[in-house]
Each structure stands twice: as C-alpha cells, then as structure tokens.
Amino acid sequence: MKLKKEFSDFHKEIRISSEADNLREKREILEDEIKTKLPGKLKDHGITVNKSDIRMFIQGSYKYNTTIVSDVVDMDVAVMIPLNIDENPDPRKIKRYLKESIDISKRSVDIKEPCVRASYYENGEEWMHIDLPLYADDDGDIYLARGKDTGIYKWEEADPDGLNENLCNKINGNDQLRRIICFVKKWRNEIYSNSKLDHEVPPSIGLTYLVCDNFVECTSDDGDDDLLALKKTMESIKNSFTNVYYDASGAVISADISKRLPVKPYTDIFSKMRESSKTYMVTFYKRLCVAVDNLTNAVNVESEHDAAKYVQKVLGEQFVVPEKKAMSASTNTKKEHNFG
C-alpha cells in the first residue's frame, strides 16, 4: 500500500481534532454576553425573550469533526431565539440587536448576509472569527435571519439540527471518509489560496456532501488505502458534473454540479457559485480534473518518492515526500536475501 505513513502523518498535521483553548474561551465569553445582554436589547424594542430561552450550539465542521488548519480560525455557533416572525418581519433588525449585544472594542463585529461575525485581530491581522447565524423558533418552525445591514432580507426556512444530524450520521464511525473530507478541503484551500471574489470558492458544506455522496472506500489486509480512496472519490465527484462541453480546441467551456440540502430550505448549495459567474463552475471542474490526473499518476508510478511528488501537487508542500531509494541499495538487499 502506497504512502500509508505519509497520509497518516499528513492528516495528523492538518486536522483540528478538538476545540483549541483560545477558541473555546472566546466562544464561551460570546455565549455568556449574548445570553446576558441580548434579552435586554430585545426588550428595548418590545420583544420578550428570557435568558433561558436562548439556545446556542455548534454547527459546521467542528460539529462533524472535519475542521482543518487554516490561516484564520473559524467556527459557526448558532443562536436560536423564540420569535414570531410575522410580528418581526425584518430579520436585519434582530441581527442588529445581536450585534449590539457583543459589539465591544476587543473584537470587530459585522453583519454578514447569513450571520453576525465576531472577528479577532492581532497586529492588524485577523486570526479568528466566530460566525453567529441567528435563527427564529416560531412555534416550532425554524427560520434563518438572512440579509446584510441594508438591502435584500428574508426569514428563510431552515433546519440546523436536522443538517447536523444528517451529516453526523454519514460521517461518524467512518474514519476514512472523515479523512478524505479533510484532504479534499485541504486541496480546495491550496488551489483557491489566492481567491478573493465572493462565491468563487466551492463552499465547505458543498464539498463535504460531494465527498459523502461519492466516497469510495479503499482498504486491504494492510489497512486503509487513503491515496486510492482520495483518487477514486475525487474522480467520482468529477464524473458527477453535468453539461460538460468543450470548444473546437478541446478546452472546457461549460460544466455544472448541483447538491441540494437534504433538509429545509432544500436549496442547491452551489447556486450562488453558479449564479455569481459562469466561469466559476468551469474552473472548479478543470481544477478537479488536474487533481484527478495527478492522483492517478501517484497511484500508477512505482516509486513512493515519485508518487508523493504527484500528491504534493494536489495537497500542497506540507505533504511529506519520502527519500528516493537508491537502486543499488535495493539490489544489494535482494542479493543478501537470496544468499540468506
């Protein structure tokens, strides 16, 4: 089995297996401030919510244990409050009250389209942010507060608990699947490292579902073969693209992929990526093709050194390339065994 140790070591290098102390501290402080101050902010505007009514829970990659190391630490923490949305039709107002309850000099707080973001800086550089999606529990029906401080807004049907449960049921108990998700997210971070445009980068939740849907388990008597599993899974994702067309010179001019959420609001996770620019999906597909080609070469070459060089082109230079074995040493070893 090729590069078993290298993949194992790489996963240990990139994974975040548990919440770091500094992140936990910031999250707990935020939770305390929200539960303490938000009821008062709401009361000032005629909305009654008790401290005990506010429910906060982790969602996203920390919930599924698929978080990888990145330049900026980030976590999603849901904030759910009981609220009649007919009486409070503008979610931007509620998001402003949430912002006001945590807006202090120690952090930068902004209203994003799907959440309120608390960002932390050191020497002028952001090192961590915690996204706080705000949900209204309207007599058992759950709605996400969408909208920036100005502009288009809506209460969108949602099921954050159902989404957490759906992905945890898919991933928990399948260690190879969890590792492949981490590797594909690492590939995304590497290949899109210079991307700055909105919705240009495939969303993490979308990649997670694509890996779950296309995962190919690869194992033998020696254990899991992560190289082969990564190659076959990414190849299957590539083959899931539709409307793939080429021009006369053989260049890809069209490609598309969809994945609907399995819970409310059942939207296509890739819709914003598709709608933002017709080139984003083509770029996604072409980069996936390059990754599959490199992983195919890695599987097919004899030398582990050469195989790891191909893997580096996909997962980045953190992936360790083993030393090239000298042919003479190999030959001498065989002779010694022959004359044993």
Protein backbone atom coordinates (compact mmCIF):
# COMPACT_ATOMS: atom_id res chain seq x y z
CA MET A 1 0.00 0.00 0.00
CA LYS A 2 1.48 3.30 -1.16
CA LEU A 3 2.23 6.29 1.15
CA LYS A 4 0.29 4.87 4.11
CA LYS A 5 2.52 6.55 6.71
CA GLU A 6 2.72 9.83 4.76
CA PHE A 7 -1.07 10.14 4.54
CA SER A 8 -1.47 9.27 8.21
CA ASP A 9 1.12 11.85 9.26
CA PHE A 10 -0.38 14.45 6.91
CA HIS A 11 -3.85 14.02 8.39
CA LYS A 12 -2.46 14.50 11.89
CA GLU A 13 -0.71 17.64 10.65
CA ILE A 14 -3.75 19.32 9.08
CA ARG A 15 -6.65 18.16 11.27
CA ILE A 16 -8.06 20.03 14.24
CA SER A 17 -9.33 17.23 16.45
CA SER A 18 -10.77 19.40 19.20
CA GLU A 19 -11.61 22.98 20.02
CA ALA A 20 -8.47 24.93 20.97
CA ASP A 21 -8.41 26.58 24.40
CA ASN A 22 -8.31 30.13 22.99
CA LEU A 23 -11.27 29.39 20.68
CA ARG A 24 -13.26 27.79 23.49
CA GLU A 25 -12.57 30.78 25.72
CA LYS A 26 -13.76 33.26 23.07
CA ARG A 27 -16.85 31.16 22.27
CA GLU A 28 -17.85 30.85 25.94
CA ILE A 29 -17.40 34.59 26.51
CA LEU A 30 -19.59 35.32 23.47
CA GLU A 31 -22.27 32.90 24.64
CA ASP A 32 -22.33 34.49 28.09
CA GLU A 33 -22.57 38.00 26.63
CA ILE A 34 -25.36 37.05 24.22
CA LYS A 35 -27.44 35.29 26.86
CA THR A 36 -26.88 38.13 29.32
CA LYS A 37 -27.29 41.18 27.06
CA LEU A 38 -29.48 40.15 24.11
CA PRO A 39 -32.72 39.85 26.18
CA GLY A 40 -32.29 43.47 27.31
CA LYS A 41 -31.63 44.69 23.74
CA LEU A 42 -34.76 42.88 22.55
CA LYS A 43 -36.83 44.19 25.47
CA ASP A 44 -35.90 47.76 24.49
CA HIS A 45 -37.76 47.08 21.23
CA GLY A 46 -40.78 45.36 22.74
CA ILE A 47 -39.62 41.76 22.28
CA THR A 48 -39.64 39.45 25.30
CA VAL A 49 -37.00 36.73 25.33
CA ASN A 50 -35.63 35.26 28.55
CA LYS A 51 -32.00 34.27 29.04
CA SER A 52 -33.07 30.63 29.40
CA ASP A 53 -34.91 30.84 26.05
CA ILE A 54 -31.71 31.43 24.10
CA ARG A 55 -30.21 28.24 22.68
CA MET A 56 -26.68 28.17 21.28
CA PHE A 57 -24.98 25.22 19.61
CA ILE A 58 -22.01 24.46 17.38
CA GLN A 59 -22.64 23.65 13.73
CA GLY A 60 -20.43 23.15 10.69
CA SER A 61 -17.09 21.35 10.54
CA TYR A 62 -16.42 21.44 14.29
CA LYS A 63 -19.67 19.53 14.78
CA TYR A 64 -18.69 16.88 12.19
CA ASN A 65 -15.02 16.86 13.26
CA THR A 66 -13.77 17.71 9.76
CA THR A 67 -12.04 21.00 10.61
CA ILE A 68 -8.58 21.56 9.15
CA VAL A 69 -5.87 24.06 9.98
CA SER A 70 -6.15 27.38 8.13
CA ASP A 71 -4.71 30.87 8.38
CA VAL A 72 -7.85 32.14 10.13
CA VAL A 73 -9.54 30.00 12.78
CA ASP A 74 -13.29 29.96 12.25
CA MET A 75 -16.31 28.37 13.87
CA ASP A 76 -20.08 28.51 13.38
CA VAL A 77 -22.19 28.87 16.54
CA ALA A 78 -25.95 29.03 16.06
CA VAL A 79 -28.04 31.46 18.10
CA MET A 80 -31.71 30.44 18.33
CA ILE A 81 -34.41 32.52 19.99
CA PRO A 82 -38.20 32.17 20.22
CA LEU A 83 -39.64 34.80 17.89
CA ASN A 84 -42.85 35.45 15.96
CA ILE A 85 -41.61 36.40 12.50
CA ASP A 86 -44.99 37.82 11.44
CA GLU A 87 -44.66 40.37 14.22
CA ASN A 88 -40.95 40.83 13.38
CA PRO A 89 -40.75 40.59 9.59
CA ASP A 90 -37.33 42.31 9.21
CA PRO A 91 -34.54 39.94 10.35
CA ARG A 92 -31.93 42.70 9.90
CA LYS A 93 -33.28 44.46 12.98
CA ILE A 94 -32.89 41.33 15.12
CA LYS A 95 -29.36 40.83 13.77
CA ARG A 96 -28.54 44.43 14.75
CA TYR A 97 -29.69 43.73 18.32
CA LEU A 98 -27.46 40.65 18.36
CA LYS A 99 -24.56 42.73 17.04
CA GLU A 100 -25.12 45.41 19.71
CA SER A 101 -25.04 42.80 22.47
CA ILE A 102 -21.46 41.73 21.61
CA ASP A 103 -20.02 44.88 19.97
CA ILE A 104 -17.06 45.81 22.17
CA SER A 105 -13.55 47.10 21.44
CA LYS A 106 -11.87 43.71 21.94
CA ARG A 107 -13.42 42.39 18.75
CA SER A 108 -14.75 43.55 15.39
CA VAL A 109 -18.42 42.72 14.82
CA ASP A 110 -20.07 42.81 11.37
CA ILE A 111 -23.41 41.82 9.96
CA LYS A 112 -22.91 39.36 7.10
CA GLU A 113 -25.67 38.06 4.84
CA PRO A 114 -26.14 34.73 6.67
CA CYS A 115 -24.81 35.63 10.12
CA VAL A 116 -23.27 38.09 12.57
CA ARG A 117 -19.47 37.72 12.61
CA ALA A 118 -17.22 38.41 15.58
CA SER A 119 -13.62 38.79 14.37
CA TYR A 120 -10.41 38.91 16.39
CA TYR A 121 -7.21 40.63 15.28
CA GLU A 122 -3.59 40.63 16.39
CA ASN A 123 -1.07 43.12 15.00
CA GLY A 124 -3.64 44.16 12.41
CA GLU A 125 -4.14 40.62 11.10
CA GLU A 126 -7.32 38.61 11.60
CA TRP A 127 -6.53 35.31 13.31
CA MET A 128 -10.00 34.08 14.26
CA HIS A 129 -13.68 34.71 13.68
CA ILE A 130 -16.84 33.16 15.07
CA ASP A 131 -19.91 33.25 12.83
CA LEU A 132 -23.23 33.52 14.62
CA PRO A 133 -26.15 32.53 12.35
CA LEU A 134 -29.35 33.78 14.01
CA TYR A 135 -32.43 31.56 14.00
CA ALA A 136 -36.02 32.30 14.99
CA ASP A 137 -38.02 29.47 16.53
CA ASP A 138 -41.58 30.44 15.59
CA ASP A 139 -43.70 27.89 17.44
CA GLY A 140 -41.50 25.01 16.23
CA ASP A 141 -40.87 26.34 12.74
CA ILE A 142 -37.23 27.44 12.35
CA TYR A 143 -36.09 30.38 10.21
CA LEU A 144 -32.62 31.76 9.46
CA ALA A 145 -32.17 35.55 9.53
CA ARG A 146 -30.78 36.48 6.11
CA GLY A 147 -29.67 39.91 4.96
CA LYS A 148 -26.86 42.38 5.44
CA ASP A 149 -27.39 45.60 7.40
CA THR A 150 -29.08 47.09 4.33
CA GLY A 151 -30.55 45.63 1.17
CA ILE A 152 -32.42 42.40 0.48
CA TYR A 153 -33.53 40.39 3.51
CA LYS A 154 -35.78 37.47 4.46
CA TRP A 155 -36.54 34.87 7.06
CA GLU A 156 -35.54 31.61 5.35
CA GLU A 157 -36.89 28.23 6.42
CA ALA A 158 -34.09 26.19 8.00
CA ASP A 159 -33.33 23.03 9.95
CA PRO A 160 -29.86 23.39 11.50
CA ASP A 161 -30.39 20.49 13.90
CA GLY A 162 -31.52 18.25 11.05
CA LEU A 163 -28.48 19.24 8.99
CA ASN A 164 -26.13 18.48 11.88
CA GLU A 165 -27.81 15.12 12.43
CA ASN A 166 -27.74 14.23 8.73
CA LEU A 167 -24.02 14.83 8.32
CA CYS A 168 -23.04 13.31 11.67
CA ASN A 169 -24.94 10.14 10.72
CA LYS A 170 -23.00 9.97 7.44
CA ILE A 171 -19.54 10.72 8.85
CA ASN A 172 -19.42 9.39 12.42
CA GLY A 173 -17.92 5.91 12.59
CA ASN A 174 -16.24 6.18 9.18
CA ASP A 175 -12.72 7.40 9.80
CA GLN A 176 -11.56 7.08 6.20
CA LEU A 177 -14.48 9.16 4.95
CA ARG A 178 -13.69 11.83 7.53
CA ARG A 179 -10.03 11.90 6.41
CA ILE A 180 -10.97 12.14 2.72
CA ILE A 181 -13.24 15.10 3.51
CA CYS A 182 -10.29 16.80 5.24
CA PHE A 183 -7.99 16.07 2.28
CA VAL A 184 -10.48 17.48 -0.25
CA LYS A 185 -10.94 20.60 1.87
CA LYS A 186 -7.15 20.95 2.03
CA TRP A 187 -7.00 20.66 -1.78
CA ARG A 188 -9.65 23.39 -2.03
CA ASN A 189 -7.66 25.67 0.30
CA GLU A 190 -4.47 25.09 -1.67
CA ILE A 191 -5.87 25.56 -5.16
CA TYR A 192 -8.02 28.56 -4.22
CA SER A 193 -5.46 30.22 -1.92
CA ASN A 194 -5.41 33.43 -4.00
CA SER A 195 -9.18 33.70 -4.50
CA LYS A 196 -10.79 36.85 -3.13
CA LEU A 197 -14.09 37.04 -5.03
CA ASP A 198 -17.44 36.21 -3.43
CA HIS A 199 -18.71 32.68 -4.13
CA GLU A 200 -15.70 31.81 -6.31
CA VAL A 201 -14.59 29.07 -3.92
CA PRO A 202 -16.61 25.84 -3.59
CA PRO A 203 -18.36 26.02 -0.17
CA SER A 204 -17.15 23.69 2.56
CA ILE A 205 -20.61 22.20 3.14
CA GLY A 206 -20.88 21.51 -0.59
CA LEU A 207 -17.54 19.71 -0.74
CA THR A 208 -18.46 17.72 2.37
CA TYR A 209 -21.65 16.47 0.75
CA LEU A 210 -19.93 15.75 -2.58
CA VAL A 211 -17.36 13.60 -0.77
CA CYS A 212 -20.07 11.81 1.23
CA ASP A 213 -22.08 11.11 -1.92
CA ASN A 214 -19.09 9.95 -3.98
CA PHE A 215 -16.90 8.31 -1.35
CA VAL A 216 -15.17 5.12 -2.46
CA GLU A 217 -13.83 3.10 0.45
CA CYS A 218 -10.43 1.54 -0.24
CA THR A 219 -8.95 -0.90 2.22
CA SER A 220 -6.99 -4.15 2.32
CA ASP A 221 -5.41 -6.51 4.82
CA ASP A 222 -2.80 -3.77 5.46
CA GLY A 223 -5.46 -1.22 6.40
CA ASP A 224 -6.97 1.81 4.69
CA ASP A 225 -5.51 2.97 1.38
CA ASP A 226 -6.14 6.73 1.56
CA LEU A 227 -4.32 7.53 -1.68
CA LEU A 228 -6.55 5.24 -3.71
CA ALA A 229 -9.68 6.35 -1.83
CA LEU A 230 -8.87 10.02 -2.44
CA LYS A 231 -8.20 9.38 -6.14
CA LYS A 232 -11.39 7.37 -6.67
CA THR A 233 -13.57 9.74 -4.64
CA MET A 234 -12.36 12.86 -6.45
CA GLU A 235 -12.71 11.03 -9.76
CA SER A 236 -16.30 10.17 -8.89
CA ILE A 237 -17.00 13.82 -7.99
CA LYS A 238 -15.53 14.87 -11.34
CA ASN A 239 -17.76 12.37 -13.13
CA SER A 240 -20.80 13.79 -11.31
CA PHE A 241 -20.52 17.06 -13.24
CA THR A 242 -23.16 17.61 -15.92
CA ASN A 243 -23.36 19.81 -19.01
CA VAL A 244 -19.63 19.41 -19.66
CA TYR A 245 -18.89 20.86 -23.09
CA TYR A 246 -15.69 21.60 -25.00
CA ASP A 247 -14.84 24.06 -27.75
CA ALA A 248 -13.16 23.10 -31.02
CA SER A 249 -9.72 23.19 -29.44
CA GLY A 250 -10.75 20.82 -26.64
CA ALA A 251 -10.99 23.44 -23.88
CA VAL A 252 -13.79 23.09 -21.32
CA ILE A 253 -16.37 25.84 -21.84
CA SER A 254 -19.21 24.54 -19.69
CA ALA A 255 -19.59 22.39 -16.56
CA ASP A 256 -22.06 22.21 -13.71
CA ILE A 257 -22.73 20.34 -10.49
CA SER A 258 -25.61 20.57 -8.02
CA LYS A 259 -26.29 19.37 -4.50
CA ARG A 260 -29.48 20.17 -2.67
CA LEU A 261 -29.62 20.36 1.09
CA PRO A 262 -31.44 17.27 2.44
CA VAL A 263 -33.32 19.48 4.93
CA LYS A 264 -35.14 22.81 4.76
CA PRO A 265 -34.78 25.00 2.75
CA TYR A 266 -33.66 22.24 0.29
CA THR A 267 -31.68 24.79 -1.74
CA ASP A 268 -28.82 23.97 -4.10
CA ILE A 269 -25.61 24.51 -2.14
CA PHE A 270 -23.77 25.58 -5.31
CA SER A 271 -26.39 28.05 -6.59
CA LYS A 272 -24.52 31.21 -5.50
CA MET A 273 -21.30 29.92 -7.02
CA ARG A 274 -23.11 29.18 -10.29
CA GLU A 275 -25.04 32.46 -10.37
CA SER A 276 -22.07 34.69 -9.49
CA SER A 277 -20.09 33.81 -12.63
CA LYS A 278 -20.39 31.16 -15.33
CA THR A 279 -16.61 30.70 -15.14
CA TYR A 280 -16.57 29.54 -11.51
CA MET A 281 -18.00 26.09 -12.22
CA VAL A 282 -15.72 25.61 -15.23
CA THR A 283 -12.70 26.50 -13.08
CA PHE A 284 -13.88 24.11 -10.33
CA TYR A 285 -14.23 21.28 -12.86
CA LYS A 286 -10.89 21.92 -14.57
CA ARG A 287 -9.02 22.07 -11.27
CA LEU A 288 -10.68 18.85 -10.19
CA CYS A 289 -9.56 17.21 -13.45
CA VAL A 290 -5.96 18.25 -12.79
CA ALA A 291 -6.14 16.84 -9.25
CA VAL A 292 -7.51 13.51 -10.51
CA ASP A 293 -4.77 13.28 -13.16
CA ASN A 294 -2.07 13.86 -10.54
CA LEU A 295 -3.59 11.34 -8.13
CA THR A 296 -3.89 8.80 -10.94
CA ASN A 297 -0.19 9.24 -11.67
CA ALA A 298 0.55 8.87 -7.96
CA VAL A 299 -1.31 5.56 -7.89
CA ASN A 300 0.37 4.24 -11.03
CA VAL A 301 4.05 5.12 -10.52
CA GLU A 302 6.34 2.57 -8.88
CA SER A 303 8.31 4.86 -6.60
CA GLU A 304 6.77 6.23 -3.40
CA HIS A 305 9.02 9.27 -3.79
CA ASP A 306 7.55 9.99 -7.23
CA ALA A 307 4.02 9.22 -6.03
CA ALA A 308 4.34 11.72 -3.19
CA LYS A 309 5.57 14.37 -5.63
CA TYR A 310 2.30 13.99 -7.53
CA VAL A 311 0.29 14.10 -4.27
CA GLN A 312 2.08 17.34 -3.34
CA LYS A 313 0.63 18.95 -6.47
CA VAL A 314 -2.82 18.23 -5.04
CA LEU A 315 -2.43 18.67 -1.28
CA GLY A 316 0.44 21.13 -1.06
CA GLU A 317 4.00 21.04 0.16
CA GLN A 318 3.05 20.05 3.72
CA PHE A 319 2.66 16.53 2.35
CA VAL A 320 6.00 14.86 3.05
CA VAL A 321 7.92 13.26 0.18
CA PRO A 322 9.90 10.20 1.32
CA GLU A 323 13.53 9.85 0.32
CA LYS A 324 14.22 8.26 -3.02
CA LYS A 325 15.53 4.73 -2.54
CA ALA A 326 18.81 4.07 -4.33
CA MET A 327 18.64 1.23 -6.83
CA SER A 328 22.00 -0.16 -5.77
CA ALA A 329 20.87 -0.45 -2.17
CA SER A 330 17.73 -2.26 -3.27
CA THR A 331 19.75 -4.65 -5.45
CA ASN A 332 22.24 -5.40 -2.69
CA THR A 333 19.44 -6.10 -0.26
CA LYS A 334 17.89 -8.60 -2.65
CA LYS A 335 21.24 -10.38 -3.09
CA GLU A 336 21.75 -10.68 0.64
CA HIS A 337 18.31 -12.23 0.98
CA ASN A 338 18.97 -14.62 -1.92
CA PHE A 339 22.11 -15.91 -0.27
CA GLY A 340 20.44 -15.68 3.18
